[in-house]
Amino acid sequence: MSDGPRTLLEQEIRRRGWHGFRDVATAYDSTARSLYPKNGPTLTEATYYRWLGPGTRSLPRPDARAVLEKLLGHPAERLFDHPWTRTRTTRTT
């Protein structure tokens, strides 16, 4: 991760003191089990780095969005935008 967080997601991860994939995956998987007891989403290392990498252009699947929103307390659209932006700008064609 760079000096300053690129997204609200990265900022929230830092604020909670989570250090790397394992910490985030533990919290994510626990939240996923509470929302989807039988067959919820899991966080893979590839997905974690894709979400935190530069240029994330699309939001996660609906079930993964629900987990992130419950876990971090923000709409997914905000989590993948700059920490200081109020709403995500999306283009429709």
Protein backbone atom coordinates (compact mmCIF):
# COMPACT_ATOMS: atom_id res chain seq x y z
CA MET A 1 0.00 0.00 0.00
CA SER A 2 1.19 3.54 -0.71
CA ASP A 3 1.64 6.32 1.85
CA GLY A 4 -1.94 7.60 1.69
CA PRO A 5 -4.99 5.42 1.12
CA ARG A 6 -6.28 5.43 -2.46
CA THR A 7 -9.76 4.32 -1.46
CA LEU A 8 -12.07 4.44 1.51
CA LEU A 9 -11.71 0.64 1.65
CA GLU A 10 -7.97 0.98 2.18
CA GLN A 11 -8.51 3.76 4.72
CA GLU A 12 -10.98 1.65 6.73
CA ILE A 13 -8.62 -1.33 6.70
CA ARG A 14 -5.84 0.84 8.11
CA ARG A 15 -8.13 2.50 10.66
CA ARG A 16 -9.05 -0.91 12.07
CA GLY A 17 -5.39 -1.87 12.38
CA TRP A 18 -5.65 -4.80 10.00
CA HIS A 19 -2.29 -5.70 8.51
CA GLY A 20 -2.56 -7.51 5.23
CA PHE A 21 -4.67 -10.18 3.66
CA ARG A 22 -4.97 -12.55 6.64
CA ASP A 23 -6.42 -9.93 9.00
CA VAL A 24 -8.92 -8.70 6.43
CA ALA A 25 -9.88 -12.21 5.32
CA THR A 26 -10.53 -13.30 8.90
CA ALA A 27 -12.92 -10.39 9.50
CA TYR A 28 -14.48 -10.69 6.03
CA ASP A 29 -15.10 -14.43 6.31
CA SER A 30 -16.64 -14.06 9.77
CA THR A 31 -19.01 -11.38 8.50
CA ALA A 32 -19.84 -13.46 5.42
CA ARG A 33 -20.78 -16.42 7.63
CA SER A 34 -23.11 -14.20 9.67
CA LEU A 35 -24.89 -13.01 6.51
CA TYR A 36 -24.79 -16.27 4.56
CA PRO A 37 -24.56 -19.17 7.06
CA LYS A 38 -24.70 -21.94 4.47
CA ASN A 39 -22.78 -20.72 1.43
CA GLY A 40 -21.36 -17.22 1.63
CA PRO A 41 -18.56 -15.60 -0.30
CA THR A 42 -14.96 -15.97 0.81
CA LEU A 43 -12.15 -13.51 0.27
CA THR A 44 -9.28 -14.80 -1.81
CA GLU A 45 -5.86 -13.23 -1.79
CA ALA A 46 -6.20 -12.34 -5.48
CA THR A 47 -9.48 -10.52 -4.82
CA TYR A 48 -8.00 -8.67 -1.85
CA TYR A 49 -5.12 -7.32 -3.95
CA ARG A 50 -7.42 -6.51 -6.87
CA TRP A 51 -9.69 -4.49 -4.56
CA LEU A 52 -6.73 -2.57 -3.14
CA GLY A 53 -4.87 -2.21 -6.41
CA PRO A 54 -4.93 0.86 -8.59
CA GLY A 55 -7.67 1.25 -11.14
CA THR A 56 -10.45 -0.91 -9.69
CA ARG A 57 -13.23 -0.16 -12.17
CA SER A 58 -16.13 -2.32 -11.15
CA LEU A 59 -17.83 -3.16 -7.88
CA PRO A 60 -17.75 -6.66 -6.39
CA ARG A 61 -20.63 -9.10 -6.85
CA PRO A 62 -23.75 -8.33 -4.79
CA ASP A 63 -23.00 -10.90 -2.08
CA ALA A 64 -19.44 -9.60 -1.64
CA ARG A 65 -20.74 -6.02 -1.59
CA ALA A 66 -23.18 -6.92 1.19
CA VAL A 67 -20.33 -8.40 3.26
CA LEU A 68 -18.11 -5.35 2.78
CA GLU A 69 -20.95 -2.98 3.63
CA LYS A 70 -21.78 -4.82 6.86
CA LEU A 71 -18.12 -5.22 7.79
CA LEU A 72 -17.07 -1.63 7.17
CA GLY A 73 -20.30 0.34 7.55
CA HIS A 74 -20.19 2.17 4.21
CA PRO A 75 -21.92 1.60 0.86
CA ALA A 76 -19.70 -0.34 -1.54
CA GLU A 77 -19.79 2.56 -4.01
CA ARG A 78 -18.03 4.70 -1.40
CA LEU A 79 -15.55 2.00 -0.38
CA PHE A 80 -14.06 1.87 -3.87
CA ASP A 81 -13.82 5.63 -4.29
CA HIS A 82 -11.29 8.12 -2.91
CA PRO A 83 -11.65 8.54 0.86
CA TRP A 84 -12.55 12.22 0.47
CA THR A 85 -15.18 11.78 -2.28
CA ARG A 86 -18.85 11.85 -1.27
CA THR A 87 -20.27 9.66 -4.05
CA ARG A 88 -18.87 7.47 -6.75
CA THR A 89 -19.07 8.83 -10.26
CA THR A 90 -20.27 6.14 -12.62
CA ARG A 91 -20.72 6.36 -16.32
CA THR A 92 -23.65 4.90 -18.13
CA THR A 93 -23.71 4.42 -21.86
